[in-house]
Amino acid sequence: MQATHRVRQAGFSLMEINFGGFSLGELKHDGFSAVELMEAGFSAAQLKEAGYTPTEPEMAGLSSKEIGAAGFSLETLRDAGFSIVKFMQAGIHLTLDQYSLPAPRVPGGGLHI
């Protein structure tokens, strides 16, 4: 059993465990979910810094806007399945410089520019 789980079983909260010297990265490594950490009071930005993906805070109930504000790069959000439409619906305004789109292809395998 991981040390963080032993401390948790002893009755300490995840916030207390973190303040006691265990990093959020260690808590993540030891199997604590984004949902558990969000319920304990940690922010999406803190989860991002600990290495959680954007989909994990989303599963914890955060909105696209809150996840976008956490500081994930637009490419990371796109790769996690967030769409431009989802960003726009959340009030996050994008420019083409911020969100790279694949180059359009033409029949025969060439690029259309």
Protein backbone atom coordinates (compact mmCIF):
# COMPACT_ATOMS: atom_id res chain seq x y z
CA MET A 1 0.00 0.00 0.00
CA GLN A 2 1.26 3.48 -0.92
CA ALA A 3 2.21 5.86 1.89
CA THR A 4 -0.42 8.36 0.79
CA HIS A 5 -3.14 5.70 1.08
CA ARG A 6 -1.95 4.73 4.57
CA VAL A 7 -2.10 8.39 5.65
CA ARG A 8 -5.57 8.70 4.05
CA GLN A 9 -6.77 5.58 5.93
CA ALA A 10 -5.49 7.15 9.14
CA GLY A 11 -8.14 9.85 8.63
CA PHE A 12 -6.26 12.69 6.98
CA SER A 13 -7.88 14.60 4.12
CA LEU A 14 -6.22 14.85 0.72
CA MET A 15 -5.60 18.55 1.38
CA GLU A 16 -3.86 17.68 4.67
CA ILE A 17 -1.80 15.01 2.91
CA ASN A 18 -0.73 17.57 0.31
CA PHE A 19 0.12 20.16 2.99
CA GLY A 20 2.00 17.41 4.83
CA GLY A 21 4.54 17.17 2.05
CA PHE A 22 3.07 14.89 -0.60
CA SER A 23 2.80 16.56 -4.00
CA LEU A 24 -0.27 16.32 -6.20
CA GLY A 25 1.93 14.40 -8.64
CA GLU A 26 2.53 11.80 -5.94
CA LEU A 27 -1.18 11.63 -5.19
CA LYS A 28 -1.86 11.13 -8.91
CA HIS A 29 0.85 8.48 -9.13
CA ASP A 30 -0.66 6.71 -6.14
CA GLY A 31 -4.01 6.44 -7.91
CA PHE A 32 -6.07 9.32 -6.57
CA SER A 33 -8.47 10.49 -9.25
CA ALA A 34 -9.11 14.02 -10.46
CA VAL A 35 -12.63 13.68 -9.04
CA GLU A 36 -11.27 12.92 -5.57
CA LEU A 37 -8.83 15.82 -5.71
CA MET A 38 -11.44 18.26 -7.05
CA GLU A 39 -13.81 17.21 -4.26
CA ALA A 40 -10.99 17.85 -1.79
CA GLY A 41 -10.70 21.44 -3.06
CA PHE A 42 -7.91 21.38 -5.60
CA SER A 43 -8.30 23.46 -8.76
CA ALA A 44 -8.13 22.38 -12.38
CA ALA A 45 -4.91 24.40 -12.73
CA GLN A 46 -3.37 22.44 -9.86
CA LEU A 47 -4.45 19.17 -11.46
CA LYS A 48 -2.92 20.28 -14.77
CA GLU A 49 0.39 20.96 -13.01
CA ALA A 50 0.22 17.49 -11.42
CA GLY A 51 -0.04 15.88 -14.85
CA TYR A 52 -3.75 15.17 -15.17
CA THR A 53 -5.17 15.41 -18.69
CA PRO A 54 -7.96 17.88 -19.57
CA THR A 55 -10.52 15.08 -19.74
CA GLU A 56 -10.01 14.15 -16.08
CA PRO A 57 -11.22 17.51 -14.66
CA GLU A 58 -14.06 17.39 -17.22
CA MET A 59 -15.15 14.06 -15.76
CA ALA A 60 -15.04 15.73 -12.34
CA GLY A 61 -17.76 18.09 -13.57
CA LEU A 62 -15.84 21.16 -14.66
CA SER A 63 -17.06 23.12 -17.65
CA SER A 64 -15.05 23.63 -20.83
CA LYS A 65 -14.55 27.25 -19.80
CA GLU A 66 -13.09 26.25 -16.42
CA ILE A 67 -10.84 23.68 -18.06
CA GLY A 68 -9.75 26.22 -20.69
CA ALA A 69 -8.91 28.68 -17.90
CA ALA A 70 -6.73 26.05 -16.16
CA GLY A 71 -3.92 26.75 -18.61
CA PHE A 72 -3.95 23.68 -20.82
CA SER A 73 -2.56 24.50 -24.24
CA LEU A 74 -5.05 24.61 -27.08
CA GLU A 75 -3.23 21.72 -28.75
CA THR A 76 -3.52 19.63 -25.58
CA LEU A 77 -7.22 20.42 -25.37
CA ARG A 78 -7.71 19.57 -29.05
CA ASP A 79 -5.77 16.31 -28.69
CA ALA A 80 -8.00 15.42 -25.71
CA GLY A 81 -11.07 15.74 -27.91
CA PHE A 82 -12.19 19.29 -27.23
CA SER A 83 -13.46 20.95 -30.40
CA ILE A 84 -13.37 24.52 -31.61
CA VAL A 85 -17.16 24.55 -31.25
CA LYS A 86 -16.86 23.50 -27.60
CA PHE A 87 -14.39 26.36 -26.97
CA MET A 88 -16.62 28.88 -28.71
CA GLN A 89 -19.69 27.70 -26.79
CA ALA A 90 -17.68 28.15 -23.60
CA GLY A 91 -16.86 31.74 -24.56
CA ILE A 92 -13.20 31.05 -25.36
CA HIS A 93 -12.31 33.05 -28.46
CA LEU A 94 -9.71 31.54 -30.76
CA THR A 95 -7.62 32.75 -33.63
CA LEU A 96 -6.10 30.56 -36.31
CA ASP A 97 -2.69 31.27 -34.76
CA GLN A 98 -3.86 29.71 -31.49
CA TYR A 99 -5.46 26.60 -32.94
CA SER A 100 -3.54 24.81 -35.65
CA LEU A 101 -5.67 23.03 -38.20
CA PRO A 102 -4.44 20.25 -40.44
CA ALA A 103 -3.60 21.41 -43.94
CA PRO A 104 -6.34 20.55 -46.43
CA ARG A 105 -5.52 17.66 -48.72
CA VAL A 106 -6.44 17.27 -52.35
CA PRO A 107 -7.00 13.99 -54.19
CA GLY A 108 -3.70 12.40 -55.09
CA GLY A 109 -2.06 13.11 -51.75
CA GLY A 110 -0.85 16.67 -52.36
CA LEU A 111 -1.51 19.66 -50.15
CA HIS A 112 -3.92 22.33 -51.26
CA ILE A 113 -2.72 25.78 -50.28
